[in-house]
Amino acid sequence: MQMESVSRHLMLTIDQVSQLTGVRKSTLRYWEKSFDEFLRPARTMTNRREYTIDDLDLVKTIKRLLDEEHLTAEGVRVRLEQLVQLPPL
């Protein structure tokens, strides 16, 4: 159980997320703008992106929806609204 707790606090760089998912860094930055209500990586003091494991899972989901289900960006947004519980603002 302790390992699961550690992995939930693990932060990944955009490079690591790109390598783990096969999604180019430029595409990740584009998705951050296109799906900003869902994909919001944290920023360091030097403005570098830090992705959580949940962010990594979300990137994998977006990739699957686009590649396998052939959804448009709007279709992905609709599906993500169904799948993801957004925290209150």
Protein backbone atom coordinates (compact mmCIF):
# COMPACT_ATOMS: atom_id res chain seq x y z
CA MET A 1 0.00 0.00 0.00
CA GLN A 2 2.84 2.42 0.76
CA MET A 3 4.20 2.05 -2.79
CA GLU A 4 0.78 3.01 -4.20
CA SER A 5 0.83 6.13 -2.03
CA VAL A 6 4.29 7.06 -3.29
CA SER A 7 3.32 6.52 -6.93
CA ARG A 8 0.28 8.81 -6.55
CA HIS A 9 2.64 11.65 -5.52
CA LEU A 10 5.17 10.97 -8.28
CA MET A 11 5.60 13.86 -10.71
CA LEU A 12 6.64 13.28 -14.31
CA THR A 13 8.20 15.65 -16.81
CA ILE A 14 6.73 16.24 -20.25
CA ASP A 15 9.64 14.20 -21.65
CA GLN A 16 8.75 11.23 -19.47
CA VAL A 17 5.05 11.43 -20.33
CA SER A 18 5.94 11.61 -24.00
CA GLN A 19 8.14 8.51 -23.76
CA LEU A 20 5.58 6.55 -21.73
CA THR A 21 2.63 7.34 -24.02
CA GLY A 22 4.23 7.76 -27.43
CA VAL A 23 2.64 11.21 -27.74
CA ARG A 24 4.95 13.96 -28.98
CA LYS A 25 5.74 16.81 -26.60
CA SER A 26 4.27 19.36 -29.01
CA THR A 27 1.05 17.35 -29.08
CA LEU A 28 0.94 17.24 -25.28
CA ARG A 29 1.29 21.03 -25.17
CA TYR A 30 -1.50 21.34 -27.77
CA TRP A 31 -3.77 19.00 -25.80
CA GLU A 32 -3.09 21.06 -22.68
CA LYS A 33 -4.69 24.01 -24.49
CA SER A 34 -7.40 22.03 -26.28
CA PHE A 35 -8.52 20.08 -23.20
CA ASP A 36 -7.60 22.66 -20.57
CA GLU A 37 -10.61 21.86 -18.41
CA PHE A 38 -9.25 18.32 -17.96
CA LEU A 39 -5.49 18.31 -18.55
CA ARG A 40 -3.79 20.80 -16.22
CA PRO A 41 -0.26 19.77 -15.33
CA ALA A 42 1.27 21.61 -12.40
CA ARG A 43 4.07 24.09 -13.00
CA THR A 44 7.35 24.42 -11.15
CA MET A 45 8.85 27.73 -10.09
CA THR A 46 10.72 27.72 -13.41
CA ASN A 47 7.44 27.09 -15.30
CA ARG A 48 8.20 23.47 -16.22
CA ARG A 49 5.25 21.11 -16.50
CA GLU A 50 4.85 18.38 -13.88
CA TYR A 51 2.38 15.60 -14.65
CA THR A 52 0.79 13.36 -12.04
CA ILE A 53 -0.04 9.70 -12.56
CA ASP A 54 -3.67 10.82 -13.05
CA ASP A 55 -2.51 13.22 -15.78
CA LEU A 56 -0.62 10.34 -17.41
CA ASP A 57 -3.78 8.22 -17.35
CA LEU A 58 -5.73 11.11 -18.87
CA VAL A 59 -3.20 11.50 -21.70
CA LYS A 60 -3.53 7.77 -22.42
CA THR A 61 -7.32 8.13 -22.46
CA ILE A 62 -7.22 11.11 -24.84
CA LYS A 63 -4.86 9.21 -27.13
CA ARG A 64 -7.15 6.17 -27.13
CA LEU A 65 -10.25 8.26 -27.86
CA LEU A 66 -8.55 9.98 -30.78
CA ASP A 67 -6.69 6.99 -32.23
CA GLU A 68 -8.98 4.05 -31.57
CA GLU A 69 -12.44 5.60 -31.36
CA HIS A 70 -11.66 8.26 -34.00
CA LEU A 71 -13.42 11.01 -32.05
CA THR A 72 -13.03 14.68 -32.86
CA ALA A 73 -11.68 17.08 -30.24
CA GLU A 74 -15.27 17.98 -29.34
CA GLY A 75 -16.15 14.29 -29.09
CA VAL A 76 -13.20 13.76 -26.77
CA ARG A 77 -14.39 16.65 -24.57
CA VAL A 78 -17.88 15.17 -24.34
CA ARG A 79 -16.52 11.72 -23.49
CA LEU A 80 -14.11 13.13 -20.91
CA GLU A 81 -16.97 14.99 -19.23
CA GLN A 82 -18.67 11.61 -18.86
CA LEU A 83 -15.52 9.87 -17.58
CA VAL A 84 -13.83 12.47 -15.41
CA GLN A 85 -15.17 14.06 -12.25
CA LEU A 86 -13.92 17.66 -12.29
CA PRO A 87 -12.95 19.19 -8.94
CA PRO A 88 -15.03 22.25 -8.00
CA LEU A 89 -13.47 25.61 -8.90
